[in-house]
Amino acid sequence: MKTQITCPHCNGIIEIYKNPLPTVDVILYNENKEVLLIKRKNPPYGWAIPGGFVDVGETVEQAARREIEEEVGLKICLQGIFGVYSSPDRDPRHHTITTVFYAKLPSENPPQAGDDAAECKLFSLTKLPDMAFDHKNILQDFLARFDKLTSNFVKDGRSVFI
């Protein structure tokens, strides 16, 4: 979708494109079929999968690792891309497209809420709280594929991580 405005300096026509914003989310899980969720400090409020916007100059993988470090204080190894969710109404603020990654929750350091997370807590995939965005649907999709995705992901005799 594009609109046109007039340049205030030269009076020429400038076309402005309105595109969806790229975001990332990371499903941090453990072997007990629990996921780490954050309680959002800012609207839209509610529990959510940790994640956020991709900054200019970074890859989606870099954004995913950065967001996890900012929101829950963990350094993670991404196991793979779970999926891409792009419904125009998934975020009430604007149209976003999210790349959803998954990663095993590291056990060496406990997560701590930071950045725009008021709290972080483990939840069973079968007993999820009320959630922001379309995150409950994403986690229901993840639960349906949990066993296949979280078994040792092996290729050519090696674990594969991104």
N, C-alpha and C. Protein backbone atom coordinates (compact mmCIF):
# COMPACT_ATOMS: atom_id res chain seq x y z
N MET A 1 0.84 -1.16 0.00
CA MET A 1 0.00 0.00 0.00
C MET A 1 0.90 1.23 0.00
N LYS A 2 0.55 2.21 -0.81
CA LYS A 2 1.35 3.42 -0.83
C LYS A 2 0.45 4.64 -0.83
N THR A 3 1.03 5.71 -0.31
CA THR A 3 0.37 7.01 -0.33
C THR A 3 1.34 8.01 -0.92
N GLN A 4 0.82 9.15 -1.27
CA GLN A 4 1.67 10.18 -1.84
C GLN A 4 1.58 11.44 -0.97
N ILE A 5 2.73 12.08 -0.79
CA ILE A 5 2.75 13.37 -0.11
C ILE A 5 3.57 14.33 -0.96
N THR A 6 3.41 15.60 -0.69
CA THR A 6 4.17 16.62 -1.41
C THR A 6 5.37 17.01 -0.57
N CYS A 7 6.53 17.04 -1.18
CA CYS A 7 7.76 17.44 -0.49
C CYS A 7 7.65 18.92 -0.14
N PRO A 8 7.86 19.28 1.13
CA PRO A 8 7.74 20.69 1.53
C PRO A 8 8.86 21.57 0.98
N HIS A 9 9.94 20.96 0.48
CA HIS A 9 11.08 21.73 -0.02
C HIS A 9 11.02 21.96 -1.53
N CYS A 10 10.66 20.91 -2.29
CA CYS A 10 10.71 21.04 -3.75
C CYS A 10 9.34 20.92 -4.40
N ASN A 11 8.31 20.62 -3.60
CA ASN A 11 6.94 20.42 -4.09
C ASN A 11 6.79 19.21 -5.00
N GLY A 12 7.80 18.34 -5.03
CA GLY A 12 7.70 17.10 -5.80
C GLY A 12 6.85 16.08 -5.05
N ILE A 13 6.37 15.10 -5.77
CA ILE A 13 5.55 14.04 -5.18
C ILE A 13 6.47 12.95 -4.63
N ILE A 14 6.23 12.56 -3.39
CA ILE A 14 6.99 11.48 -2.75
C ILE A 14 6.02 10.35 -2.46
N GLU A 15 6.37 9.14 -2.90
CA GLU A 15 5.55 7.98 -2.60
C GLU A 15 6.05 7.35 -1.31
N ILE A 16 5.14 7.11 -0.40
CA ILE A 16 5.47 6.48 0.88
C ILE A 16 4.76 5.14 0.94
N TYR A 17 5.53 4.09 1.18
CA TYR A 17 4.98 2.75 1.26
C TYR A 17 4.75 2.40 2.72
N LYS A 18 3.59 1.81 2.99
CA LYS A 18 3.27 1.36 4.34
C LYS A 18 3.36 -0.16 4.33
N ASN A 19 4.40 -0.68 4.98
CA ASN A 19 4.66 -2.12 4.99
C ASN A 19 4.53 -2.68 6.40
N PRO A 20 4.28 -3.98 6.52
CA PRO A 20 4.27 -4.61 7.84
C PRO A 20 5.65 -4.50 8.49
N LEU A 21 5.65 -4.52 9.82
CA LEU A 21 6.89 -4.42 10.57
C LEU A 21 7.39 -5.81 10.94
N PRO A 22 8.70 -6.07 10.77
CA PRO A 22 9.23 -7.39 11.12
C PRO A 22 9.49 -7.51 12.63
N THR A 23 9.07 -8.63 13.19
CA THR A 23 9.29 -8.92 14.60
C THR A 23 9.80 -10.36 14.74
N VAL A 24 10.25 -10.69 15.94
CA VAL A 24 10.68 -12.04 16.26
C VAL A 24 10.07 -12.43 17.61
N ASP A 25 9.85 -13.72 17.78
CA ASP A 25 9.44 -14.29 19.06
C ASP A 25 10.24 -15.56 19.25
N VAL A 26 10.53 -15.90 20.51
CA VAL A 26 11.31 -17.11 20.79
C VAL A 26 10.58 -17.94 21.83
N ILE A 27 10.19 -19.15 21.44
CA ILE A 27 9.58 -20.09 22.37
C ILE A 27 10.71 -20.77 23.13
N LEU A 28 10.82 -20.47 24.40
CA LEU A 28 11.82 -21.09 25.27
C LEU A 28 11.12 -22.19 26.05
N TYR A 29 11.51 -23.43 25.81
CA TYR A 29 10.79 -24.58 26.38
C TYR A 29 11.73 -25.43 27.23
N ASN A 30 11.13 -26.28 28.05
CA ASN A 30 11.91 -27.32 28.74
C ASN A 30 11.28 -28.67 28.45
N GLU A 31 11.93 -29.74 28.92
CA GLU A 31 11.47 -31.10 28.61
C GLU A 31 10.14 -31.44 29.29
N ASN A 32 9.68 -30.63 30.24
CA ASN A 32 8.40 -30.87 30.92
C ASN A 32 7.22 -30.24 30.18
N LYS A 33 7.45 -29.82 28.95
CA LYS A 33 6.43 -29.15 28.13
C LYS A 33 5.96 -27.86 28.80
N GLU A 34 6.95 -27.11 29.32
CA GLU A 34 6.69 -25.79 29.87
C GLU A 34 7.41 -24.77 29.00
N VAL A 35 6.83 -23.55 28.97
CA VAL A 35 7.43 -22.46 28.21
C VAL A 35 7.59 -21.25 29.11
N LEU A 36 8.63 -20.47 28.83
CA LEU A 36 8.87 -19.24 29.57
C LEU A 36 8.11 -18.11 28.89
N LEU A 37 7.26 -17.44 29.66
CA LEU A 37 6.50 -16.31 29.14
C LEU A 37 6.85 -15.06 29.94
N ILE A 38 6.64 -13.92 29.32
CA ILE A 38 6.83 -12.65 30.02
C ILE A 38 5.49 -11.96 30.21
N LYS A 39 5.37 -11.22 31.30
CA LYS A 39 4.21 -10.36 31.51
C LYS A 39 4.62 -8.98 31.03
N ARG A 40 3.91 -8.44 30.05
CA ARG A 40 4.29 -7.19 29.41
C ARG A 40 4.07 -5.99 30.33
N LYS A 41 5.07 -5.08 30.36
CA LYS A 41 4.97 -3.83 31.11
C LYS A 41 4.16 -2.79 30.35
N ASN A 42 4.17 -2.91 29.02
CA ASN A 42 3.56 -1.89 28.16
C ASN A 42 2.41 -2.48 27.35
N PRO A 43 1.49 -1.61 26.92
CA PRO A 43 0.37 -2.11 26.10
C PRO A 43 0.89 -2.69 24.79
N PRO A 44 0.22 -3.69 24.27
CA PRO A 44 -0.90 -4.41 24.88
C PRO A 44 -0.41 -5.30 26.02
N TYR A 45 -1.11 -5.22 27.14
CA TYR A 45 -0.72 -5.96 28.33
C TYR A 45 -1.08 -7.43 28.21
N GLY A 46 -0.51 -8.22 29.09
CA GLY A 46 -0.79 -9.65 29.14
C GLY A 46 0.50 -10.45 29.07
N TRP A 47 0.35 -11.74 29.14
CA TRP A 47 1.48 -12.66 29.02
C TRP A 47 1.80 -12.82 27.55
N ALA A 48 3.08 -13.03 27.25
CA ALA A 48 3.51 -13.12 25.85
C ALA A 48 4.77 -13.98 25.74
N ILE A 49 4.98 -14.48 24.55
CA ILE A 49 6.25 -15.12 24.21
C ILE A 49 7.28 -13.99 24.14
N PRO A 50 8.47 -14.16 24.72
CA PRO A 50 9.46 -13.09 24.62
C PRO A 50 9.83 -12.81 23.17
N GLY A 51 9.99 -11.54 22.87
CA GLY A 51 10.35 -11.15 21.52
C GLY A 51 10.21 -9.66 21.33
N GLY A 52 10.30 -9.23 20.08
CA GLY A 52 10.17 -7.81 19.79
C GLY A 52 10.53 -7.50 18.35
N PHE A 53 10.76 -6.22 18.11
CA PHE A 53 11.01 -5.73 16.75
C PHE A 53 12.45 -5.98 16.31
N VAL A 54 12.60 -6.22 15.03
CA VAL A 54 13.92 -6.36 14.42
C VAL A 54 14.46 -4.95 14.17
N ASP A 55 15.66 -4.68 14.66
CA ASP A 55 16.29 -3.38 14.45
C ASP A 55 16.92 -3.31 13.06
N VAL A 56 17.04 -2.10 12.54
CA VAL A 56 17.73 -1.88 11.27
C VAL A 56 19.16 -2.40 11.40
N GLY A 57 19.60 -3.16 10.42
CA GLY A 57 20.96 -3.66 10.39
C GLY A 57 21.17 -4.99 11.08
N GLU A 58 20.11 -5.59 11.63
CA GLU A 58 20.29 -6.89 12.27
C GLU A 58 19.46 -7.96 11.57
N THR A 59 19.93 -9.19 11.65
CA THR A 59 19.19 -10.31 11.10
C THR A 59 18.10 -10.71 12.09
N VAL A 60 17.16 -11.52 11.65
CA VAL A 60 16.12 -11.99 12.58
C VAL A 60 16.73 -12.85 13.67
N GLU A 61 17.77 -13.61 13.35
CA GLU A 61 18.44 -14.44 14.36
C GLU A 61 19.10 -13.56 15.42
N GLN A 62 19.79 -12.50 14.98
CA GLN A 62 20.40 -11.57 15.94
C GLN A 62 19.34 -10.90 16.80
N ALA A 63 18.23 -10.50 16.18
CA ALA A 63 17.15 -9.85 16.93
C ALA A 63 16.57 -10.79 17.98
N ALA A 64 16.40 -12.06 17.62
CA ALA A 64 15.83 -13.04 18.56
C ALA A 64 16.74 -13.20 19.77
N ARG A 65 18.04 -13.36 19.53
CA ARG A 65 18.97 -13.52 20.66
C ARG A 65 19.04 -12.25 21.50
N ARG A 66 19.05 -11.08 20.86
CA ARG A 66 19.08 -9.81 21.58
C ARG A 66 17.84 -9.64 22.45
N GLU A 67 16.68 -9.90 21.88
CA GLU A 67 15.43 -9.74 22.64
C GLU A 67 15.38 -10.65 23.86
N ILE A 68 15.85 -11.88 23.72
CA ILE A 68 15.87 -12.80 24.87
C ILE A 68 16.82 -12.30 25.94
N GLU A 69 17.97 -11.80 25.53
CA GLU A 69 18.92 -11.28 26.51
C GLU A 69 18.34 -10.05 27.22
N GLU A 70 17.68 -9.16 26.47
CA GLU A 70 17.09 -7.96 27.06
C GLU A 70 15.91 -8.28 27.98
N GLU A 71 15.05 -9.19 27.56
CA GLU A 71 13.80 -9.42 28.29
C GLU A 71 13.91 -10.40 29.44
N VAL A 72 14.78 -11.41 29.32
CA VAL A 72 14.87 -12.41 30.39
C VAL A 72 16.30 -12.71 30.82
N GLY A 73 17.27 -11.94 30.29
CA GLY A 73 18.65 -12.04 30.75
C GLY A 73 19.37 -13.33 30.41
N LEU A 74 18.97 -14.00 29.34
CA LEU A 74 19.59 -15.27 28.98
C LEU A 74 20.29 -15.20 27.64
N LYS A 75 21.39 -15.91 27.53
CA LYS A 75 22.05 -16.13 26.24
C LYS A 75 21.59 -17.50 25.77
N ILE A 76 21.07 -17.56 24.55
CA ILE A 76 20.48 -18.81 24.07
C ILE A 76 21.08 -19.23 22.74
N CYS A 77 20.86 -20.48 22.42
CA CYS A 77 21.22 -21.04 21.13
C CYS A 77 19.90 -21.40 20.44
N LEU A 78 19.59 -20.73 19.36
CA LEU A 78 18.35 -21.00 18.64
C LEU A 78 18.42 -22.37 17.99
N GLN A 79 17.36 -23.16 18.13
CA GLN A 79 17.34 -24.49 17.51
C GLN A 79 16.77 -24.47 16.11
N GLY A 80 15.89 -23.55 15.83
CA GLY A 80 15.30 -23.50 14.51
C GLY A 80 14.18 -22.49 14.43
N ILE A 81 13.65 -22.34 13.25
CA ILE A 81 12.48 -21.49 13.03
C ILE A 81 11.25 -22.37 13.17
N PHE A 82 10.35 -21.97 14.06
CA PHE A 82 9.11 -22.71 14.23
C PHE A 82 8.12 -22.35 13.14
N GLY A 83 8.02 -21.07 12.83
CA GLY A 83 7.07 -20.65 11.80
C GLY A 83 7.05 -19.14 11.65
N VAL A 84 6.25 -18.68 10.72
CA VAL A 84 6.05 -17.26 10.46
C VAL A 84 4.57 -16.99 10.57
N TYR A 85 4.22 -15.97 11.35
CA TYR A 85 2.82 -15.61 11.56
C TYR A 85 2.63 -14.18 11.08
N SER A 86 1.61 -13.97 10.23
CA SER A 86 1.52 -12.68 9.55
C SER A 86 0.11 -12.11 9.43
N SER A 87 -0.84 -12.62 10.19
CA SER A 87 -2.19 -12.09 10.10
C SER A 87 -2.18 -10.58 10.36
N PRO A 88 -2.82 -9.79 9.51
CA PRO A 88 -2.78 -8.34 9.69
C PRO A 88 -3.31 -7.86 11.04
N ASP A 89 -4.12 -8.67 11.71
CA ASP A 89 -4.68 -8.24 13.00
C ASP A 89 -4.00 -8.91 14.20
N ARG A 90 -2.85 -9.52 14.01
CA ARG A 90 -2.18 -10.24 15.11
C ARG A 90 -1.68 -9.29 16.20
N ASP A 91 -1.39 -8.05 15.86
CA ASP A 91 -0.96 -7.03 16.82
C ASP A 91 -1.93 -5.86 16.69
N PRO A 92 -2.59 -5.46 17.78
CA PRO A 92 -3.59 -4.39 17.67
C PRO A 92 -3.00 -3.02 17.33
N ARG A 93 -1.69 -2.86 17.45
CA ARG A 93 -1.06 -1.56 17.18
C ARG A 93 -0.80 -1.33 15.70
N HIS A 94 -0.38 -2.38 14.99
CA HIS A 94 -0.06 -2.27 13.57
C HIS A 94 0.18 -3.67 13.00
N HIS A 95 0.27 -3.73 11.70
CA HIS A 95 0.48 -5.02 11.04
C HIS A 95 1.94 -5.43 11.23
N THR A 96 2.15 -6.60 11.84
CA THR A 96 3.49 -7.13 12.03
C THR A 96 3.57 -8.53 11.43
N ILE A 97 4.78 -8.91 11.06
CA ILE A 97 5.06 -10.27 10.62
C ILE A 97 6.13 -10.80 11.56
N THR A 98 5.84 -11.90 12.26
CA THR A 98 6.82 -12.43 13.19
C THR A 98 7.43 -13.73 12.69
N THR A 99 8.73 -13.84 12.87
CA THR A 99 9.44 -15.10 12.68
C THR A 99 9.58 -15.69 14.08
N VAL A 100 9.00 -16.87 14.28
CA VAL A 100 9.02 -17.51 15.59
C VAL A 100 10.10 -18.58 15.62
N PHE A 101 11.03 -18.42 16.54
CA PHE A 101 12.10 -19.39 16.76
C PHE A 101 11.75 -20.24 17.98
N TYR A 102 12.49 -21.33 18.16
CA TYR A 102 12.37 -22.10 19.39
C TYR A 102 13.76 -22.46 19.88
N ALA A 103 13.87 -22.58 21.20
CA ALA A 103 15.16 -22.88 21.83
C ALA A 103 14.89 -23.53 23.17
N LYS A 104 15.76 -24.45 23.54
CA LYS A 104 15.65 -25.08 24.85
C LYS A 104 16.07 -24.05 25.90
N LEU A 105 15.29 -23.98 26.97
CA LEU A 105 15.57 -23.06 28.06
C LEU A 105 16.85 -23.47 28.76
N PRO A 106 17.86 -22.59 28.79
CA PRO A 106 19.11 -22.96 29.47
C PRO A 106 18.87 -23.18 30.96
N SER A 107 19.57 -24.14 31.53
CA SER A 107 19.35 -24.46 32.94
C SER A 107 20.38 -23.82 33.86
N GLU A 108 21.46 -23.29 33.29
CA GLU A 108 22.53 -22.79 34.16
C GLU A 108 22.20 -21.48 34.87
N ASN A 109 21.43 -20.59 34.27
CA ASN A 109 21.07 -19.32 34.90
C ASN A 109 19.56 -19.17 34.93
N PRO A 110 19.01 -18.72 36.06
CA PRO A 110 17.56 -18.50 36.09
C PRO A 110 17.19 -17.25 35.29
N PRO A 111 16.08 -17.27 34.57
CA PRO A 111 15.65 -16.07 33.84
C PRO A 111 15.23 -14.97 34.81
N GLN A 112 15.47 -13.73 34.41
CA GLN A 112 15.07 -12.57 35.20
C GLN A 112 14.43 -11.55 34.28
N ALA A 113 13.25 -11.07 34.66
CA ALA A 113 12.54 -10.09 33.85
C ALA A 113 13.36 -8.81 33.72
N GLY A 114 13.40 -8.28 32.51
CA GLY A 114 14.10 -7.03 32.25
C GLY A 114 13.46 -6.32 31.09
N ASP A 115 14.01 -5.18 30.69
CA ASP A 115 13.53 -4.40 29.56
C ASP A 115 12.04 -4.11 29.72
N ASP A 116 11.20 -4.56 28.79
CA ASP A 116 9.76 -4.28 28.90
C ASP A 116 8.97 -5.45 29.49
N ALA A 117 9.67 -6.36 30.18
CA ALA A 117 9.01 -7.49 30.85
C ALA A 117 8.87 -7.17 32.34
N ALA A 118 7.65 -7.16 32.84
CA ALA A 118 7.42 -6.92 34.26
C ALA A 118 7.71 -8.16 35.09
N GLU A 119 7.56 -9.32 34.46
CA GLU A 119 7.71 -10.60 35.15
C GLU A 119 7.98 -11.67 34.10
N CYS A 120 8.61 -12.76 34.51
CA CYS A 120 8.73 -13.92 33.63
C CYS A 120 8.45 -15.16 34.47
N LYS A 121 7.83 -16.14 33.82
CA LYS A 121 7.37 -17.31 34.56
C LYS A 121 7.18 -18.48 33.60
N LEU A 122 7.40 -19.70 34.13
CA LEU A 122 7.14 -20.91 33.34
C LEU A 122 5.66 -21.27 33.40
N PHE A 123 5.12 -21.69 32.26
CA PHE A 123 3.74 -22.15 32.17
C PHE A 123 3.71 -23.47 31.40
N SER A 124 2.83 -24.35 31.80
CA SER A 124 2.60 -25.59 31.06
C SER A 124 1.96 -25.24 29.72
N LEU A 125 2.40 -25.91 28.67
CA LEU A 125 1.78 -25.70 27.35
C LEU A 125 0.31 -26.10 27.34
N THR A 126 -0.12 -26.89 28.32
CA THR A 126 -1.53 -27.30 28.38
C THR A 126 -2.36 -26.41 29.31
N LYS A 127 -1.73 -25.46 30.00
CA LYS A 127 -2.45 -24.55 30.91
C LYS A 127 -1.88 -23.14 30.76
N LEU A 128 -2.16 -22.54 29.63
CA LEU A 128 -1.63 -21.22 29.32
C LEU A 128 -2.53 -20.12 29.89
N PRO A 129 -1.95 -18.99 30.29
CA PRO A 129 -2.74 -17.86 30.78
C PRO A 129 -3.36 -17.11 29.61
N ASP A 130 -4.15 -16.08 29.92
CA ASP A 130 -4.60 -15.17 28.87
C ASP A 130 -3.37 -14.49 28.29
N MET A 131 -3.35 -14.37 26.98
CA MET A 131 -2.12 -13.90 26.33
C MET A 131 -2.38 -12.76 25.36
N ALA A 132 -1.33 -11.97 25.15
CA ALA A 132 -1.36 -10.88 24.18
C ALA A 132 -1.15 -11.44 22.77
N PHE A 133 -1.51 -10.63 21.81
CA PHE A 133 -1.30 -10.94 20.39
C PHE A 133 -1.95 -12.28 20.03
N ASP A 134 -1.33 -13.02 19.13
CA ASP A 134 -1.81 -14.35 18.74
C ASP A 134 -0.96 -15.44 19.38
N HIS A 135 -0.31 -15.12 20.49
CA HIS A 135 0.67 -16.03 21.08
C HIS A 135 0.07 -17.33 21.61
N LYS A 136 -1.17 -17.30 22.06
CA LYS A 136 -1.78 -18.55 22.52
C LYS A 136 -1.92 -19.52 21.34
N ASN A 137 -2.32 -19.01 20.18
CA ASN A 137 -2.44 -19.85 18.98
C ASN A 137 -1.07 -20.40 18.57
N ILE A 138 -0.05 -19.57 18.64
CA ILE A 138 1.31 -20.02 18.28
C ILE A 138 1.72 -21.16 19.20
N LEU A 139 1.48 -21.01 20.51
CA LEU A 139 1.88 -22.04 21.46
C LEU A 139 1.04 -23.31 21.33
N GLN A 140 -0.21 -23.19 20.94
CA GLN A 140 -1.01 -24.38 20.67
C GLN A 140 -0.46 -25.12 19.46
N ASP A 141 -0.03 -24.39 18.45
CA ASP A 141 0.62 -25.00 17.29
C ASP A 141 1.92 -25.69 17.71
N PHE A 142 2.69 -25.04 18.60
CA PHE A 142 3.95 -25.60 19.07
C PHE A 142 3.70 -26.89 19.86
N LEU A 143 2.69 -26.89 20.71
CA LEU A 143 2.37 -28.10 21.48
C LEU A 143 2.05 -29.26 20.55
N ALA A 144 1.32 -29.00 19.47
CA ALA A 144 0.95 -30.06 18.53
C ALA A 144 2.18 -30.68 17.87
N ARG A 145 3.27 -29.94 17.78
CA ARG A 145 4.49 -30.45 17.13
C ARG A 145 5.65 -30.62 18.11
N PHE A 146 5.36 -30.52 19.42
CA PHE A 146 6.40 -30.51 20.45
C PHE A 146 7.35 -31.69 20.35
N ASP A 147 6.81 -32.90 20.35
CA ASP A 147 7.66 -34.09 20.38
C ASP A 147 8.59 -34.15 19.17
N LYS A 148 8.08 -33.83 18.01
CA LYS A 148 8.90 -33.88 16.80
C LYS A 148 9.98 -32.80 16.81
N LEU A 149 9.62 -31.60 17.24
CA LEU A 149 10.56 -30.48 17.21
C LEU A 149 11.64 -30.55 18.28
N THR A 150 11.29 -31.06 19.45
CA THR A 150 12.20 -30.95 20.59
C THR A 150 13.02 -32.21 20.84
N SER A 151 12.78 -33.26 20.07
CA SER A 151 13.67 -34.41 20.17
C SER A 151 15.01 -33.96 19.61
N ASN A 152 16.07 -34.69 19.86
CA ASN A 152 17.38 -34.25 19.37
C ASN A 152 17.30 -33.99 17.88
N PHE A 153 17.48 -32.76 17.51
CA PHE A 153 17.43 -32.33 16.13
C PHE A 153 18.79 -32.61 15.53
N VAL A 154 18.89 -33.68 14.75
CA VAL A 154 20.19 -34.13 14.28
C VAL A 154 20.23 -34.16 12.76
N LYS A 155 21.34 -33.70 12.22
CA LYS A 155 21.57 -33.75 10.79
C LYS A 155 23.02 -34.14 10.59
N ASP A 156 23.23 -35.13 9.77
CA ASP A 156 24.60 -35.61 9.51
C ASP A 156 25.33 -35.97 10.82
N GLY A 157 24.61 -36.53 11.79
CA GLY A 157 25.24 -36.95 13.04
C GLY A 157 25.58 -35.82 13.99
N ARG A 158 25.15 -34.58 13.69
CA ARG A 158 25.46 -33.44 14.56
C ARG A 158 24.17 -32.74 14.92
N SER A 159 24.13 -32.13 16.09
CA SER A 159 23.00 -31.26 16.43
C SER A 159 23.09 -30.01 15.58
N VAL A 160 21.95 -29.53 15.12
CA VAL A 160 21.92 -28.36 14.25
C VAL A 160 21.32 -27.19 15.02
N PHE A 161 22.02 -26.09 15.08
CA PHE A 161 21.54 -24.88 15.73
C PHE A 161 21.81 -23.70 14.80
N ILE A 162 21.01 -22.67 14.96
CA ILE A 162 21.24 -21.45 14.15
C ILE A 162 21.47 -20.27 15.05
